[in-house]
Protein backbone atom coordinates (compact mmCIF):
# COMPACT_ATOMS: atom_id res chain seq x y z
CA MET A 1 50.92 -22.02 47.07
CA SER A 2 49.95 -22.27 43.38
CA SER A 3 48.37 -19.27 41.68
CA THR A 4 45.16 -21.34 41.10
CA LEU A 5 44.91 -22.21 44.77
CA PHE A 6 45.62 -18.65 45.76
CA LEU A 7 42.89 -17.34 43.49
CA ALA A 8 40.48 -19.97 44.87
CA CYS A 9 41.22 -18.84 48.44
CA LEU A 10 40.58 -15.22 47.44
CA VAL A 11 37.19 -16.21 45.95
CA VAL A 12 36.21 -18.13 49.10
CA ALA A 13 37.35 -15.28 51.34
CA ALA A 14 35.35 -12.77 49.26
CA ALA A 15 32.28 -14.99 49.41
CA ALA A 16 32.67 -15.36 53.15
CA ALA A 17 32.84 -11.58 53.51
CA VAL A 18 29.74 -10.88 51.40
CA LEU A 19 27.46 -13.83 51.98
CA PRO A 20 26.48 -13.23 55.60
CA LYS A 21 25.41 -9.67 54.82
CA ASN A 22 23.39 -10.75 51.79
CA SER A 23 22.07 -13.87 53.50
CA SER A 24 20.61 -11.74 56.28
CA LEU A 25 18.33 -10.25 53.65
CA MET A 26 16.42 -13.56 53.65
CA GLN A 27 15.43 -13.19 57.30
CA GLY A 28 11.64 -13.34 57.64
CA PHE A 29 11.02 -14.77 54.14
CA ARG A 30 9.90 -18.18 52.92
CA HIS A 31 11.19 -19.69 49.65
CA ALA A 32 13.72 -16.83 49.44
CA HIS A 33 16.35 -16.24 46.80
CA LEU A 34 18.72 -13.36 46.20
CA VAL A 35 18.66 -11.19 43.11
CA ASP A 36 19.77 -7.74 41.95
CA SER A 37 17.63 -4.95 40.52
CA SER A 38 17.73 -4.16 36.80
CA SER A 39 20.65 -1.76 36.95
CA LYS A 40 22.19 -3.43 40.05
CA HIS A 41 21.74 -0.36 42.27
CA ALA A 42 19.94 -2.64 44.74
CA HIS A 43 20.53 -6.02 46.34
CA CYS A 44 17.21 -7.83 46.79
CA VAL A 45 15.56 -10.88 48.20
CA ASN A 46 12.46 -12.34 46.57
CA GLY A 47 10.29 -14.48 48.78
CA VAL A 48 7.00 -14.96 50.60
CA VAL A 49 5.89 -13.32 53.87
CA PRO A 50 2.85 -14.60 55.78
CA ILE A 51 0.37 -11.78 56.47
CA PHE A 52 -2.67 -12.20 58.68
CA ALA A 53 -5.64 -10.09 57.58
CA SER A 54 -9.22 -9.78 58.65
CA ALA A 55 -11.70 -7.81 56.60
CA THR A 56 -15.40 -7.06 56.38
CA ASN A 57 -16.04 -8.07 52.83
CA ALA A 58 -19.18 -7.68 50.76
CA ILE A 59 -21.42 -10.71 50.21
CA LEU A 60 -21.84 -10.61 46.41
CA ASP A 61 -24.84 -12.42 44.93
CA LEU A 62 -22.86 -13.26 41.81
CA SER A 63 -22.03 -16.62 40.45
CA SER A 64 -18.64 -17.27 38.79
CA PRO A 65 -19.04 -16.92 35.04
CA THR A 66 -19.10 -20.15 33.07
CA THR A 67 -18.18 -18.70 29.64
CA GLN A 68 -16.64 -15.52 28.25
CA PHE A 69 -20.02 -14.53 26.95
CA ASN A 70 -21.32 -14.65 30.52
CA ALA A 71 -18.33 -12.63 31.86
CA THR A 72 -18.72 -9.94 29.21
CA GLU A 73 -22.45 -9.60 29.92
CA ILE A 74 -21.76 -8.92 33.61
CA PHE A 75 -19.65 -5.89 32.69
CA GLN A 76 -22.22 -4.74 30.15
CA GLU A 77 -24.88 -4.84 32.85
CA LEU A 78 -22.55 -3.20 35.39
CA PHE A 79 -22.04 -0.15 33.21
CA GLU A 80 -25.41 0.24 31.41
CA ALA A 81 -27.40 3.42 31.97
CA GLY A 82 -29.21 3.26 35.30
CA SER A 83 -27.44 0.07 36.37
CA THR A 84 -28.26 -1.23 39.81
CA LEU A 85 -26.10 -4.35 39.56
CA ILE A 86 -23.82 -3.44 42.47
CA GLN A 87 -26.77 -2.54 44.73
CA ARG A 88 -28.57 -5.77 43.77
CA ALA A 89 -25.48 -7.95 44.07
CA GLN A 90 -24.47 -6.81 47.57
CA LYS A 91 -26.32 -8.83 50.17
CA GLY A 92 -24.70 -7.62 53.31
CA THR A 93 -21.23 -8.25 54.68
CA ARG A 94 -19.19 -11.03 56.23
CA THR A 95 -15.86 -11.39 57.92
CA VAL A 96 -13.11 -12.91 55.83
CA GLN A 97 -9.78 -13.65 57.52
CA GLY A 98 -6.71 -15.78 57.19
CA THR A 99 -2.98 -15.83 56.90
CA TYR A 100 -2.04 -15.22 53.31
CA GLY A 101 1.25 -15.89 51.56
CA ILE A 102 2.33 -12.59 49.94
CA ASN A 103 5.17 -12.74 47.48
CA GLY A 104 7.38 -9.69 47.47
CA ILE A 105 10.83 -8.44 46.77
CA LEU A 106 12.81 -6.47 49.45
CA CYS A 107 15.55 -4.33 47.93
CA VAL A 108 18.25 -2.31 49.76
CA PRO A 109 20.91 0.01 48.27
CA ALA A 110 23.92 -1.86 46.78
CA ASP A 111 26.16 0.99 47.86
CA PRO A 112 27.61 -0.11 51.23
CA ALA A 113 27.42 3.33 52.84
CA LYS A 114 23.81 3.89 51.78
CA ARG A 115 22.88 0.32 52.75
CA SER A 116 24.26 0.70 56.27
CA ALA A 117 22.43 4.01 56.72
CA VAL A 118 19.02 2.97 55.39
CA LYS A 119 16.13 3.75 57.71
CA THR A 120 13.22 4.27 55.32
CA ILE A 121 11.35 1.60 53.38
CA GLU A 122 8.79 2.25 50.64
CA ILE A 123 5.99 -0.32 50.30
CA LEU A 124 5.10 -0.40 46.57
CA THR A 125 1.54 -1.45 45.62
CA HIS A 126 0.88 -2.08 41.91
CA GLY A 127 -2.30 -1.54 39.94
CA VAL A 128 -4.82 -3.86 38.21
CA GLY A 129 -3.42 -6.17 35.54
CA LEU A 130 0.13 -5.64 36.74
CA GLU A 131 2.43 -7.43 39.16
CA LYS A 132 5.38 -6.36 41.28
CA SER A 133 7.88 -6.19 38.36
CA TYR A 134 6.17 -2.97 37.28
CA TRP A 135 8.46 -1.27 39.77
CA ASP A 136 11.61 -2.76 38.20
CA ILE A 137 10.92 -3.17 34.50
CA ALA A 138 14.35 -2.69 32.91
CA PRO A 139 17.46 -0.42 33.24
CA GLY A 140 16.20 3.17 33.02
CA TYR A 141 12.68 2.02 33.86
CA SER A 142 13.21 0.89 37.43
CA TYR A 143 11.79 2.82 40.38
CA VAL A 144 13.50 0.29 42.63
CA ASP A 145 16.90 1.29 41.16
CA ALA A 146 16.13 5.00 41.53
CA ALA A 147 15.00 4.57 45.14
CA ALA A 148 18.09 2.53 46.03
CA ALA A 149 20.38 5.14 44.43
CA ALA A 150 18.69 7.73 46.60
CA GLY A 151 19.27 5.64 49.74
CA TYR A 152 15.85 4.02 50.23
CA ALA A 153 14.83 0.37 50.68
CA THR A 154 11.73 -0.82 48.82
CA PHE A 155 9.30 -3.71 49.13
CA ALA A 156 7.35 -4.41 45.94
CA TYR A 157 4.76 -7.11 46.36
CA ASP A 158 2.25 -9.07 44.31
CA ARG A 159 -1.18 -8.14 45.56
CA LEU A 160 -3.45 -10.97 46.74
CA GLY A 161 -4.55 -13.03 43.69
CA VAL A 162 -1.55 -11.94 41.59
CA GLY A 163 1.79 -13.39 40.53
CA GLY A 164 3.56 -15.35 43.26
CA SER A 165 1.02 -14.49 45.99
CA GLU A 166 -1.86 -16.73 46.98
CA ARG A 167 -4.92 -16.80 44.66
CA PRO A 168 -7.97 -17.43 46.91
CA GLU A 169 -11.61 -17.49 45.76
CA PRO A 170 -11.98 -14.54 43.37
CA ILE A 171 -15.50 -13.15 44.04
CA GLN A 172 -16.23 -13.36 47.75
CA GLU A 173 -12.63 -13.27 49.07
CA VAL A 174 -10.27 -11.27 46.83
CA GLN A 175 -11.96 -7.88 47.32
CA ALA A 176 -10.59 -4.38 47.82
CA PHE A 177 -11.53 -4.51 51.53
CA LEU A 178 -9.29 -7.52 52.20
CA GLU A 179 -6.44 -5.94 50.17
CA VAL A 180 -6.51 -2.84 52.37
CA GLU A 181 -6.08 -5.09 55.36
CA ILE A 182 -3.12 -6.87 53.76
CA LEU A 183 -1.46 -3.50 53.06
CA HIS A 184 -2.07 -2.66 56.74
CA GLY A 185 -0.53 -5.96 57.71
CA LEU A 186 2.59 -5.25 55.56
CA ALA A 187 3.00 -1.82 57.16
CA GLN A 188 2.78 -3.35 60.64
CA LEU A 189 5.25 -6.07 59.71
CA PHE A 190 7.91 -3.59 58.63
CA ARG A 191 7.10 -1.24 61.49
CA THR A 192 7.40 -3.82 64.32
CA THR A 193 9.63 -6.67 62.98
CA LYS A 194 13.19 -6.96 61.87
CA ILE A 195 12.87 -8.04 58.25
CA GLY A 196 15.82 -8.79 55.98
CA GLY A 197 18.12 -7.90 58.79
CA TYR A 198 16.74 -4.36 59.00
CA GLN A 199 14.54 -2.47 61.46
CA PHE A 200 13.03 0.43 59.59
CA SER A 201 12.15 3.76 61.26
CA ASN A 202 10.05 5.26 58.43
CA ILE A 203 7.35 3.53 56.36
CA ILE A 204 6.34 5.21 53.03
CA GLY A 205 3.34 3.97 51.11
CA VAL A 206 3.69 4.27 47.29
CA GLY A 207 0.73 3.21 45.16
CA HIS A 208 0.03 2.95 41.47
CA SER A 209 -3.57 3.27 40.17
CA PHE A 210 -5.66 0.64 42.03
CA GLY A 211 -2.67 0.44 44.37
CA SER A 212 -3.11 4.15 45.11
CA ILE A 213 -6.79 3.54 45.86
CA LEU A 214 -5.78 0.88 48.33
CA GLN A 215 -3.23 3.23 49.82
CA VAL A 216 -5.95 5.88 50.38
CA GLY A 217 -8.12 3.19 51.96
CA ALA A 218 -5.34 2.23 54.30
CA ASN A 219 -4.62 5.86 55.26
CA SER A 220 -8.32 6.36 55.94
CA LYS A 221 -8.64 3.36 58.24
CA TYR A 222 -5.08 3.28 59.71
CA PRO A 223 -3.74 6.86 59.60
CA GLU A 224 -0.68 5.98 61.71
CA ASP A 225 0.57 3.18 59.52
CA PHE A 226 2.56 5.37 57.10
CA ASP A 227 4.94 8.24 57.64
CA GLY A 228 4.66 9.45 54.06
CA VAL A 229 2.46 8.72 51.02
CA VAL A 230 3.02 8.91 47.31
CA LEU A 231 0.05 8.26 45.00
CA THR A 232 0.91 7.68 41.35
CA ALA A 233 -1.37 7.31 38.31
CA PHE A 234 -4.26 8.64 40.39
CA THR A 235 -6.72 11.49 40.98
CA ASN A 236 -9.64 11.77 43.37
CA THR A 237 -12.43 10.42 41.20
CA LEU A 238 -13.54 7.07 39.74
CA THR A 239 -15.88 8.68 37.21
CA ASN A 240 -13.89 7.44 34.26
CA LEU A 241 -13.55 3.85 35.51
CA PRO A 242 -16.28 2.38 33.25
CA TYR A 243 -14.43 3.60 30.10
CA THR A 244 -11.21 1.98 31.26
CA ILE A 245 -12.67 -1.37 32.25
CA LEU A 246 -14.66 -1.72 29.03
CA ALA A 247 -11.60 -0.74 26.93
CA ASN A 248 -9.59 -3.43 28.70
CA ASN A 249 -12.09 -6.06 27.51
CA PRO A 250 -11.78 -8.17 30.69
CA SER A 251 -11.11 -11.74 29.66
CA ILE A 252 -11.35 -14.92 31.71
CA ALA A 253 -7.71 -15.57 32.54
CA ALA A 254 -7.91 -19.35 32.17
CA LEU A 255 -9.28 -19.00 28.67
CA ASN A 256 -7.11 -16.04 27.58
CA GLU A 257 -3.76 -17.57 28.59
CA PRO A 258 -4.34 -21.20 29.52
CA SER A 259 -0.59 -21.94 29.68
CA ARG A 260 -0.20 -19.46 32.56
CA PHE A 261 -3.65 -19.32 34.17
CA GLY A 262 -5.40 -22.50 33.00
CA GLY A 263 -6.05 -23.84 36.52
CA LEU A 264 -7.69 -20.67 37.90
CA PRO A 265 -11.40 -20.20 38.64
CA PHE A 266 -13.27 -18.20 35.95
CA GLY A 267 -13.63 -15.27 38.39
CA TYR A 268 -10.01 -14.40 37.63
CA LEU A 269 -9.59 -11.97 34.72
CA VAL A 270 -6.86 -10.43 32.57
CA HIS A 271 -6.76 -7.56 30.05
CA ASN A 272 -7.66 -9.09 26.71
CA ASP A 273 -4.79 -8.15 24.40
CA ALA A 274 -2.10 -5.63 23.53
CA ILE A 275 -4.59 -3.11 22.10
CA SER A 276 -6.66 -3.31 25.32
CA ILE A 277 -3.53 -2.39 27.26
CA GLN A 278 -2.32 0.43 24.97
CA GLN A 279 -5.70 2.04 24.64
CA VAL A 280 -5.86 3.23 28.22
CA PHE A 281 -2.35 2.74 29.74
CA PHE A 282 0.14 3.86 27.11
CA ARG A 283 0.38 7.13 25.16
CA TYR A 284 2.14 6.87 21.78
CA PRO A 285 4.78 7.92 20.78
CA TYR A 286 6.17 8.31 24.28
CA PHE A 287 7.18 4.66 24.90
CA GLU A 288 9.51 2.07 23.44
CA ALA A 289 7.92 -0.89 21.70
CA SER A 290 10.13 -3.35 23.58
CA ILE A 291 9.03 -1.98 26.97
CA PHE A 292 5.38 -2.00 25.89
CA LEU A 293 5.63 -5.66 24.77
CA ASN A 294 7.34 -6.48 28.05
CA GLN A 295 4.33 -5.18 29.95
CA VAL A 296 1.89 -7.01 27.68
CA GLN A 297 3.74 -10.29 28.23
CA ARG A 298 3.76 -9.68 32.03
CA LYS A 299 0.06 -8.95 32.31
CA ASP A 300 -1.46 -10.55 35.36
CA THR A 301 -4.73 -11.35 36.97
CA TYR A 302 -7.46 -9.43 38.75
CA THR A 303 -10.86 -10.51 40.01
CA PHE A 304 -14.58 -9.82 39.75
CA GLY A 305 -14.51 -9.21 43.50
CA GLU A 306 -12.01 -6.37 43.14
CA GLU A 307 -13.88 -4.75 40.24
CA LEU A 308 -17.13 -4.67 42.21
CA THR A 309 -15.58 -3.25 45.45
CA ILE A 310 -13.06 -0.69 44.28
CA GLY A 311 -15.32 2.22 45.24
CA GLY A 312 -15.87 0.91 48.73
CA VAL A 313 -12.37 1.76 49.93
CA LEU A 314 -11.85 5.13 48.38
CA ASN A 315 -12.71 7.19 51.54
CA PRO A 316 -11.19 10.45 52.86
CA ALA A 317 -8.31 10.14 55.24
CA PRO A 318 -8.63 13.26 57.44
CA ALA A 319 -6.57 11.88 60.36
CA TYR A 320 -3.47 11.33 58.18
CA LYS A 321 -1.26 14.36 58.46
CA GLY A 322 2.05 13.29 56.97
CA PRO A 323 3.65 14.28 53.60
CA LEU A 324 1.67 13.57 50.45
CA SER A 325 2.73 13.65 46.84
CA VAL A 326 0.50 12.93 43.83
CA VAL A 327 2.33 11.96 40.63
CA THR A 328 0.39 11.23 37.43
CA GLY A 329 1.13 11.18 33.69
CA VAL A 330 -0.29 14.19 31.91
CA PHE A 331 -2.03 11.86 29.42
CA ASP A 332 -3.47 9.47 32.00
CA PHE A 333 -6.69 7.96 30.71
CA PRO A 334 -8.25 6.01 33.60
CA PHE A 335 -8.41 9.03 35.91
CA CYS A 336 -8.30 11.98 33.51
CA LEU A 337 -9.67 10.68 30.17
CA GLY A 338 -6.29 11.45 28.62
CA ASN A 339 -5.84 15.06 29.75
CA CYS A 340 -5.01 15.71 33.42
CA SER A 341 -4.63 19.45 32.66
CA PHE A 342 -8.29 19.90 31.61
CA PRO A 343 -9.99 22.04 32.68
CA ASP A 344 -7.22 22.56 35.26
CA ASN A 345 -4.69 20.42 37.11
CA GLN A 346 -6.74 17.43 38.27
CA LEU A 347 -4.10 16.27 40.74
CA ALA A 348 -4.57 19.37 42.85
CA LYS A 349 -8.00 18.09 43.95
CA VAL A 350 -6.59 15.06 45.79
CA GLN A 351 -5.31 16.76 48.94
CA PRO A 352 -8.39 18.91 49.75
CA SER A 353 -10.89 16.14 48.99
CA LEU A 354 -9.13 13.11 50.45
CA TYR A 355 -6.38 14.38 52.76
CA PRO A 356 -7.65 17.58 54.36
CA GLY A 357 -5.35 17.08 57.37
CA VAL A 358 -2.19 17.38 55.30
CA PRO A 359 -0.80 20.95 55.37
CA ALA A 360 0.04 22.59 52.05
CA SER A 361 3.71 22.69 53.08
CA LYS A 362 3.80 18.88 53.06
CA SER A 363 1.84 18.29 49.88
CA ASP A 364 2.72 18.59 46.22
CA VAL A 365 1.63 17.36 42.75
CA TYR A 366 3.54 16.53 39.63
CA LEU A 367 2.19 16.00 36.12
CA VAL A 368 4.73 13.80 34.38
CA PRO A 369 5.25 15.12 30.82
CA GLU A 370 4.90 12.84 27.81
CA ASN A 371 3.50 10.07 29.98
CA GLY A 372 0.35 7.95 30.30
CA HIS A 373 -1.03 5.62 32.99
CA TYR A 374 1.81 3.10 33.12
CA ILE A 375 4.22 5.81 34.25
CA ASN A 376 7.20 3.54 34.81
CA ALA A 377 6.92 2.12 31.25
CA HIS A 378 7.24 5.48 29.45
CA ARG A 379 10.50 7.20 28.48
CA SER A 380 9.93 10.04 30.89
CA ALA A 381 9.64 7.69 33.88
CA PRO A 382 12.99 8.90 35.36
CA LEU A 383 11.45 12.37 35.78
CA SER A 384 8.78 10.90 38.08
CA PHE A 385 11.44 8.87 39.96
CA ASP A 386 13.50 11.99 40.59
CA HIS A 387 10.48 13.97 41.75
CA ILE A 388 9.41 11.30 44.25
CA ASN A 389 12.83 10.85 45.76
CA THR A 390 13.40 14.63 46.03
CA PHE A 391 10.03 15.01 47.69
CA LEU A 392 10.88 12.38 50.23
CA ALA A 393 14.30 13.91 50.95
CA ASN A 394 12.80 17.33 51.31
CA ASN A 395 10.44 15.95 53.94
CA GLY A 396 13.18 14.54 56.03
CA PHE A 397 13.26 10.85 54.89
């Protein structure tokens, strides 16, 4: 046998040994393809899962804006002194339901021993203006890598109306209420179905910002869905939300970036520009310019429907009694106006106000030093990763 033929046989044999294991990751996904995480600590499959969801949405008496002038005026009216826009706009409720294609990436540890032992999956829900890559930005800035190295599987997904997921009607359909139901559907999927070749025993919900609000909403309505909860870039109040939204200068996505979003209805929005993103999400000098620009280039859509219904899902979850960790950058602006230590640790208010059923022994908080709202995009991100994974391990996951 020639050396060339011998080497070819070795390659084929190696592929045959690896391919079935990796190919099984595609089980349960449509349009699936295999990838690795940024630092290759995880083998992943990116694809679409169908999720049925039924929600009681608000009927909003609000027409889709026709110009950017019109869109800006809506937010001016929403946040003016004595505004009654939300009360006037809501004209009752209606049931919205369907099966939605949700794009996500399932990652399992690359290490064979850890991969064979994995029993816990973390469902990662990103915030407004982001998409699922927030959880795997680059080497050293990847929560997916950190979780895989610690022995956990992750599922980061594009929320409804974002990235590779479906983009339905943006005012009446893509609302916070429906997104809570989609998160519930994902939890049930991984709880009851063998996905990617795995049957998971423990489901952890990890949210970021608006994703944390949705996580609270899911815990409130479905307290048995999750065995553990991690809320990042979050505290218990939306008082500062107007400052954040106005600083973002919400821009009609189709007009702001027509090459990416040109075909979308005008009810889909994006943060206007780099300054709009830095102002409330990044704290200088604690980030690298390259990582900042990466996040600016990856900005994604959100909707008028979401912005007008955020407060409707932030309800206490007294029946949830599992572990809870709250992890927020010390300089977070949207929830702390840039100082989460003033007048005291703002994170400590989450458990008693929203999760009174969680015992102190199962709850902790962590202020990430030298960090802002986009925790994963600051240099100190690995400190938050280590804290979360240690918390989960200490609680038996």
